[in-house]
Amino acid sequence: MVKVGIIGFGYWGTNLVRNFNLASNCRVIAVADPRAERLIQLGRLYSHIKGYKESEELICSKDIDAVIIATPVSTHFELAKRALLQGKHVLLEKPMTSSVMEAEFLIDLAKQKGLLLMVDHTFLYTGAVAKMKQLKDLGDLGNIKYLDSTRINLGLFQPDINVLWDLAPHDISILNYIIDEKPHSVNATGITHTSNDIENIAYLTINYNSGFIAHFSCSWTSPVKLRTMLIGGDQKMILYNDLEPTEKVKVYDSGYNHSKDQDKKKILVDYRTGDIHVPKLNTNEALLEMANDFVSCILEGKEPKSSSKIGLEVVKILEASDKSIKHSGREVILDIQSEEIHQSSNLLTN
């Protein structure tokens, strides 16, 4: 039995408490939140769970084996560091940390302590993403050429991170899970319409040496909510619509062939439009699947599907996108040297 403590009882924290209560071989022991009204709500819903106003009390509790952190990203590093130093397994909400250096340090610390460090990229546990990966791995799509994602809505403006850090981690984690090739570079542009210099609209392109390309459109200022992703192969293509209640994934037997004409200056293109297939998907709740993965990996010493490695890869791309935005979309190579990110000896003493 893994005894769990959860820091943060806001919107997502309440979902985490509910699902970890349902997870196998797991018991939620305590929740920490500085807001008195949230602890009152906790007591009404779960009288058996102890409420703490201070996260330090939860982290230091000898009754807790694992700490789940559902707080703003700016607090992730210090909370996770303290929990790992106290010998607790840690689950972090996305994005993992505010910087690559912080993520690398936590991974090193967890390894030194023999503890599990995991990131909650919930979409990796959905039936839709599992099916898309299966189709790709079986070769049904052929050679993958592109991924195009749109994740836009009206609000919520975040006070500490831009729209890419808020919305893009979902789709970047899906990209890194499905596509085996490592990205080469990023280009990003964005704009702020408020006075805090935090971009509320942004576009991110991830480039690969093979010619595969991924593009992400994120916005807090759209009049409609869209959650769509296109994955294009040279044999078949996928449309993934997360807002579709029953047919989230559609596989299109469509494509094109091209050749040059005799003078080698013009491209001849033949288009193919075939059937549309709607595969059956696993409908289990993704957050419960994630909770069970976290618990079973603690008990069995396994590597989780949403590993800290995937969390780090997402943060690398987000950090590079910040650099690109600040330099008007300039290409940023994803090649971070170890000396820039390994400062464990300094951080451990602080």
Protein backbone atom coordinates (compact mmCIF):
# COMPACT_ATOMS: atom_id res chain seq x y z
CA MET A 1 0.00 0.00 0.00
CA VAL A 2 1.41 3.37 -1.08
CA LYS A 3 0.42 6.22 1.23
CA VAL A 4 0.09 9.48 -0.69
CA GLY A 5 0.06 13.16 0.20
CA ILE A 6 -1.14 15.79 -2.28
CA ILE A 7 0.01 19.42 -2.25
CA GLY A 8 -2.59 21.70 -3.83
CA PHE A 9 -6.36 21.28 -3.63
CA GLY A 10 -7.45 23.53 -6.49
CA TYR A 11 -9.24 22.42 -9.66
CA TRP A 12 -6.70 19.75 -10.63
CA GLY A 13 -5.86 18.80 -7.06
CA THR A 14 -9.46 17.76 -6.42
CA ASN A 15 -9.31 15.50 -9.49
CA LEU A 16 -6.06 13.96 -8.23
CA VAL A 17 -7.53 13.24 -4.79
CA ARG A 18 -10.57 11.60 -6.35
CA ASN A 19 -8.57 9.36 -8.67
CA PHE A 20 -5.85 8.38 -6.20
CA ASN A 21 -8.63 7.40 -3.81
CA LEU A 22 -9.79 4.97 -6.49
CA ALA A 23 -6.31 3.71 -7.46
CA SER A 24 -5.24 0.18 -6.56
CA ASN A 25 -2.87 -0.34 -3.62
CA CYS A 26 -3.03 3.34 -2.70
CA ARG A 27 -4.40 5.48 0.11
CA VAL A 28 -4.54 9.29 0.22
CA ILE A 29 -3.37 10.22 3.72
CA ALA A 30 -3.15 14.02 3.60
CA VAL A 31 -3.64 17.16 1.51
CA ALA A 32 -1.88 20.49 1.97
CA ASP A 33 -3.25 23.85 0.84
CA PRO A 34 -2.68 27.29 2.39
CA ARG A 35 -6.28 28.39 1.69
CA ALA A 36 -8.56 27.74 4.65
CA GLU A 37 -11.66 27.46 2.46
CA ARG A 38 -10.07 24.67 0.43
CA LEU A 39 -9.26 22.68 3.57
CA ILE A 40 -12.85 23.13 4.74
CA GLN A 41 -14.01 21.76 1.40
CA LEU A 42 -11.58 18.85 1.76
CA GLY A 43 -13.05 18.00 5.17
CA ARG A 44 -16.57 18.00 3.77
CA LEU A 45 -15.67 15.69 0.91
CA TYR A 46 -13.10 13.44 2.57
CA SER A 47 -13.36 13.38 6.35
CA HIS A 48 -10.70 10.65 6.59
CA ILE A 49 -7.98 12.78 4.88
CA LYS A 50 -5.83 15.01 7.08
CA GLY A 51 -5.54 18.63 5.98
CA TYR A 52 -2.36 20.67 6.33
CA LYS A 53 -2.02 24.42 5.84
CA GLU A 54 1.75 24.13 5.39
CA SER A 55 3.23 21.83 2.73
CA GLU A 56 6.33 21.23 4.89
CA GLU A 57 4.25 19.33 7.46
CA LEU A 58 2.98 16.99 4.75
CA ILE A 59 6.43 16.50 3.19
CA CYS A 60 8.01 15.65 6.55
CA SER A 61 5.24 13.28 7.66
CA LYS A 62 6.59 9.79 8.32
CA ASP A 63 3.20 8.35 7.33
CA ILE A 64 3.56 9.40 3.68
CA ASP A 65 5.46 7.46 1.01
CA ALA A 66 4.82 9.68 -2.02
CA VAL A 67 4.10 13.36 -2.61
CA ILE A 68 2.00 14.68 -5.50
CA ILE A 69 2.56 18.33 -6.38
CA ALA A 70 -0.33 20.22 -8.03
CA THR A 71 0.79 23.81 -7.55
CA PRO A 72 2.02 26.61 -9.88
CA VAL A 73 5.08 25.59 -11.88
CA SER A 74 7.24 28.21 -10.16
CA THR A 75 6.91 26.20 -6.91
CA HIS A 76 7.58 22.75 -8.38
CA PHE A 77 11.34 22.65 -7.98
CA GLU A 78 11.60 23.57 -4.31
CA LEU A 79 8.67 21.37 -3.26
CA ALA A 80 9.94 18.36 -5.24
CA LYS A 81 13.51 18.87 -3.99
CA ARG A 82 12.36 18.91 -0.35
CA ALA A 83 10.18 15.84 -0.85
CA LEU A 84 12.97 13.84 -2.50
CA LEU A 85 15.41 14.82 0.26
CA GLN A 86 12.83 13.50 2.74
CA GLY A 87 12.84 10.15 0.91
CA LYS A 88 9.45 10.55 -0.80
CA HIS A 89 8.56 9.48 -4.33
CA VAL A 90 7.30 12.48 -6.32
CA LEU A 91 4.68 13.11 -8.98
CA LEU A 92 4.75 16.58 -10.55
CA GLU A 93 2.04 18.24 -12.56
CA LYS A 94 3.01 19.51 -16.01
CA PRO A 95 5.15 21.30 -16.92
CA MET A 96 7.74 19.56 -14.77
CA THR A 97 9.75 22.64 -13.76
CA SER A 98 10.45 26.22 -14.81
CA SER A 99 13.82 25.37 -16.36
CA VAL A 100 15.94 22.59 -17.79
CA MET A 101 18.49 23.02 -15.00
CA GLU A 102 15.84 22.40 -12.35
CA ALA A 103 14.46 19.34 -14.15
CA GLU A 104 17.93 17.82 -14.60
CA PHE A 105 18.74 18.39 -10.95
CA LEU A 106 15.54 16.66 -9.75
CA ILE A 107 16.19 13.69 -12.04
CA ASP A 108 19.73 13.36 -10.68
CA LEU A 109 18.51 13.65 -7.08
CA ALA A 110 15.78 11.04 -7.54
CA LYS A 111 18.34 8.67 -9.06
CA GLN A 112 20.74 9.22 -6.15
CA LYS A 113 17.97 8.52 -3.65
CA GLY A 114 16.51 5.53 -5.53
CA LEU A 115 13.11 7.22 -5.76
CA LEU A 116 10.51 7.52 -8.50
CA LEU A 117 10.14 10.94 -10.12
CA MET A 118 7.24 11.16 -12.55
CA VAL A 119 5.37 13.89 -14.43
CA ASP A 120 1.60 13.86 -14.95
CA HIS A 121 1.22 14.17 -18.71
CA THR A 122 -2.30 12.80 -18.49
CA PHE A 123 -2.98 12.64 -22.23
CA LEU A 124 -0.46 9.80 -22.61
CA TYR A 125 -2.96 7.62 -20.75
CA THR A 126 -5.94 8.34 -23.00
CA GLY A 127 -7.33 5.75 -25.36
CA ALA A 128 -6.96 8.21 -28.24
CA VAL A 129 -3.21 8.69 -27.81
CA ALA A 130 -2.67 4.97 -27.22
CA LYS A 131 -4.46 4.22 -30.50
CA MET A 132 -2.47 6.83 -32.45
CA LYS A 133 0.80 5.40 -31.17
CA GLN A 134 -0.34 1.89 -32.05
CA LEU A 135 -1.23 2.93 -35.61
CA LYS A 136 2.14 4.63 -35.99
CA ASP A 137 4.11 1.69 -34.54
CA LEU A 138 2.30 -0.81 -36.77
CA GLY A 139 3.26 1.26 -39.81
CA ASP A 140 -0.34 1.91 -40.86
CA LEU A 141 0.39 5.59 -41.50
CA GLY A 142 3.53 4.97 -43.52
CA ASN A 143 6.32 7.52 -43.20
CA ILE A 144 5.17 10.32 -40.85
CA LYS A 145 5.61 13.74 -42.47
CA TYR A 146 4.07 16.23 -40.06
CA LEU A 147 2.09 16.89 -36.88
CA ASP A 148 -0.10 19.97 -36.60
CA SER A 149 -1.78 20.89 -33.30
CA THR A 150 -4.30 23.58 -32.34
CA ARG A 151 -5.08 24.18 -28.67
CA ILE A 152 -6.95 27.45 -28.24
CA ASN A 153 -9.68 28.87 -26.00
CA LEU A 154 -10.86 32.06 -24.29
CA GLY A 155 -8.81 32.36 -21.04
CA LEU A 156 -7.53 31.53 -18.49
CA PHE A 157 -4.68 34.09 -18.55
CA GLN A 158 -1.89 32.77 -16.34
CA PRO A 159 0.04 35.25 -14.16
CA ASP A 160 3.43 33.51 -14.26
CA ILE A 161 3.80 31.51 -17.51
CA ASN A 162 2.96 32.20 -21.15
CA VAL A 163 0.45 30.35 -23.27
CA LEU A 164 3.00 27.84 -24.60
CA TRP A 165 4.03 26.78 -21.09
CA ASP A 166 0.35 26.51 -20.16
CA LEU A 167 -1.17 24.70 -23.14
CA ALA A 168 1.59 23.21 -25.31
CA PRO A 169 2.94 20.63 -22.79
CA HIS A 170 -0.06 18.42 -23.52
CA ASP A 171 0.65 18.18 -27.22
CA ILE A 172 4.45 18.24 -26.97
CA SER A 173 4.26 15.21 -24.66
CA ILE A 174 2.02 13.44 -27.21
CA LEU A 175 4.49 14.31 -29.97
CA ASN A 176 7.49 12.98 -28.02
CA TYR A 177 5.57 9.83 -27.06
CA ILE A 178 4.49 8.98 -30.60
CA ILE A 179 7.50 10.14 -32.63
CA ASP A 180 10.77 8.28 -31.93
CA GLU A 181 13.07 10.83 -33.58
CA LYS A 182 14.62 13.52 -31.39
CA PRO A 183 13.94 17.14 -32.43
CA HIS A 184 16.74 19.28 -33.82
CA SER A 185 15.55 22.85 -33.27
CA VAL A 186 12.61 25.15 -32.61
CA ASN A 187 11.23 28.41 -33.94
CA ALA A 188 8.61 30.28 -31.95
CA THR A 189 6.77 33.58 -32.17
CA GLY A 190 4.28 35.11 -29.81
CA ILE A 191 2.61 38.30 -28.72
CA THR A 192 1.20 39.76 -25.52
CA HIS A 193 -1.92 41.91 -25.41
CA THR A 194 -1.56 42.68 -21.70
CA SER A 195 0.89 44.77 -19.71
CA ASN A 196 2.79 41.87 -18.11
CA ASP A 197 4.85 40.78 -21.16
CA ILE A 198 3.44 37.24 -20.96
CA GLU A 199 2.49 35.96 -24.44
CA ASN A 200 -1.19 35.05 -24.75
CA ILE A 201 -0.91 33.91 -28.39
CA ALA A 202 2.06 31.87 -29.62
CA TYR A 203 3.11 29.59 -32.46
CA LEU A 204 5.80 26.93 -32.08
CA THR A 205 7.50 24.93 -34.84
CA ILE A 206 9.73 21.96 -33.99
CA ASN A 207 12.18 20.90 -36.69
CA TYR A 208 13.70 17.45 -37.27
CA ASN A 209 16.71 16.36 -39.31
CA SER A 210 14.61 13.82 -41.24
CA GLY A 211 12.30 16.53 -42.63
CA PHE A 212 9.45 15.72 -40.25
CA ILE A 213 7.95 18.92 -38.82
CA ALA A 214 5.60 19.66 -35.91
CA HIS A 215 3.63 22.87 -35.44
CA PHE A 216 1.63 24.10 -32.44
CA SER A 217 -0.87 26.96 -32.28
CA CYS A 218 -1.81 28.10 -28.76
CA SER A 219 -4.05 30.96 -27.65
CA TRP A 220 -5.98 32.22 -24.64
CA THR A 221 -7.92 34.70 -26.80
CA SER A 222 -9.96 32.53 -29.17
CA PRO A 223 -13.76 32.90 -29.25
CA VAL A 224 -14.03 29.10 -29.53
CA LYS A 225 -12.32 26.18 -27.81
CA LEU A 226 -10.43 23.86 -30.16
CA ARG A 227 -8.37 20.79 -29.26
CA THR A 228 -7.32 19.22 -32.54
CA MET A 229 -4.26 17.43 -33.90
CA LEU A 230 -3.41 16.24 -37.41
CA ILE A 231 -0.79 13.56 -38.00
CA GLY A 232 0.11 13.12 -41.66
CA GLY A 233 1.73 10.01 -43.07
CA ASP A 234 2.41 9.16 -46.68
CA GLN A 235 -0.06 6.24 -46.45
CA LYS A 236 -2.77 7.45 -44.05
CA MET A 237 -3.53 10.49 -41.92
CA ILE A 238 -5.12 11.00 -38.50
CA LEU A 239 -7.48 13.67 -37.22
CA TYR A 240 -7.61 13.73 -33.41
CA ASN A 241 -10.32 15.92 -31.88
CA ASP A 242 -10.27 15.72 -28.09
CA LEU A 243 -13.57 17.60 -27.79
CA GLU A 244 -15.41 15.01 -29.90
CA PRO A 245 -17.41 12.87 -27.43
CA THR A 246 -17.45 9.58 -29.33
CA GLU A 247 -15.23 9.74 -32.43
CA LYS A 248 -12.06 11.35 -31.12
CA VAL A 249 -9.77 9.64 -33.66
CA LYS A 250 -10.47 9.36 -37.40
CA VAL A 251 -8.06 7.65 -39.77
CA TYR A 252 -8.16 8.92 -43.36
CA ASP A 253 -6.98 6.69 -46.16
CA SER A 254 -5.89 9.75 -48.07
CA GLY A 255 -2.62 10.97 -49.48
CA TYR A 256 -0.72 12.02 -52.55
CA ASN A 257 2.06 10.95 -54.88
CA HIS A 258 4.31 13.34 -56.73
CA SER A 259 6.78 13.17 -59.58
CA LYS A 260 8.57 15.53 -61.95
CA ASP A 261 7.53 16.00 -65.54
CA GLN A 262 9.93 15.57 -68.41
CA ASP A 263 11.50 19.03 -68.19
CA LYS A 264 12.09 18.45 -64.44
CA LYS A 265 10.79 21.89 -63.57
CA LYS A 266 7.19 21.10 -62.67
CA ILE A 267 5.88 18.79 -59.97
CA LEU A 268 3.08 16.41 -60.94
CA VAL A 269 0.82 15.50 -58.02
CA ASP A 270 -1.73 12.67 -57.87
CA TYR A 271 -4.18 12.75 -54.97
CA ARG A 272 -5.79 9.74 -53.31
CA THR A 273 -9.00 9.96 -51.25
CA GLY A 274 -10.17 6.73 -49.63
CA ASP A 275 -12.23 5.56 -46.69
CA ILE A 276 -12.44 7.08 -43.23
CA HIS A 277 -12.01 4.65 -40.34
CA VAL A 278 -13.10 5.39 -36.75
CA PRO A 279 -11.27 2.98 -34.44
CA LYS A 280 -12.63 1.82 -31.10
CA LEU A 281 -10.84 3.43 -28.16
CA ASN A 282 -10.24 2.51 -24.54
CA THR A 283 -12.61 4.72 -22.52
CA ASN A 284 -11.04 4.31 -19.07
CA GLU A 285 -10.42 7.59 -17.24
CA ALA A 286 -6.91 8.72 -18.14
CA LEU A 287 -6.17 10.27 -14.75
CA LEU A 288 -6.99 7.00 -12.98
CA GLU A 289 -4.74 5.14 -15.44
CA MET A 290 -1.97 7.61 -14.59
CA ALA A 291 -2.51 7.17 -10.85
CA ASN A 292 -2.34 3.39 -11.16
CA ASP A 293 0.85 3.68 -13.22
CA PHE A 294 2.49 5.88 -10.56
CA VAL A 295 1.58 3.50 -7.74
CA SER A 296 2.52 0.30 -9.57
CA CYS A 297 5.88 1.77 -10.65
CA ILE A 298 6.68 2.58 -7.01
CA LEU A 299 5.79 -0.94 -5.89
CA GLU A 300 7.43 -2.76 -8.79
CA GLY A 301 10.36 -0.46 -9.60
CA LYS A 302 9.21 0.05 -13.21
CA GLU A 303 9.62 3.00 -15.57
CA PRO A 304 6.32 4.90 -15.94
CA LYS A 305 4.79 5.77 -19.28
CA SER A 306 4.93 9.48 -18.39
CA SER A 307 8.49 9.42 -17.14
CA SER A 308 10.64 12.27 -15.88
CA LYS A 309 12.60 11.89 -19.13
CA ILE A 310 9.50 12.91 -21.13
CA GLY A 311 8.94 15.74 -18.65
CA LEU A 312 12.50 16.96 -19.21
CA GLU A 313 12.15 16.80 -23.01
CA VAL A 314 9.03 18.97 -22.81
CA VAL A 315 10.79 21.57 -20.64
CA LYS A 316 13.77 21.65 -23.04
CA ILE A 317 11.44 22.53 -25.91
CA LEU A 318 9.55 25.14 -23.86
CA GLU A 319 12.75 26.79 -22.66
CA ALA A 320 14.08 26.92 -26.22
CA SER A 321 10.75 28.40 -27.40
CA ASP A 322 11.17 31.25 -24.89
CA LYS A 323 14.59 32.06 -26.35
CA SER A 324 13.20 31.99 -29.88
CA ILE A 325 10.26 34.27 -29.02
CA LYS A 326 12.56 36.81 -27.38
CA HIS A 327 14.67 36.85 -30.58
CA SER A 328 11.78 37.32 -33.03
CA GLY A 329 11.44 33.68 -34.02
CA ARG A 330 15.12 32.86 -34.48
CA GLU A 331 15.93 29.15 -34.76
CA VAL A 332 17.19 27.69 -31.48
CA ILE A 333 19.12 24.43 -31.63
CA LEU A 334 18.10 21.83 -29.04
CA ASP A 335 21.61 20.96 -27.89
CA ILE A 336 21.98 21.73 -24.18
CA GLN A 337 25.43 20.97 -22.83
CA SER A 338 25.73 19.05 -19.58
CA GLU A 339 27.74 21.76 -17.86
CA GLU A 340 24.83 24.16 -18.28
CA ILE A 341 22.36 21.91 -16.52
CA HIS A 342 24.26 19.82 -13.97
CA GLN A 343 24.75 21.93 -10.85
CA SER A 344 23.69 19.30 -8.32
CA SER A 345 26.51 19.92 -5.86
CA ASN A 346 25.63 23.61 -5.58
CA LEU A 347 21.88 23.09 -5.34
CA LEU A 348 22.13 20.30 -2.78
CA THR A 349 23.90 22.58 -0.34
CA ASN A 350 21.22 25.27 -0.54
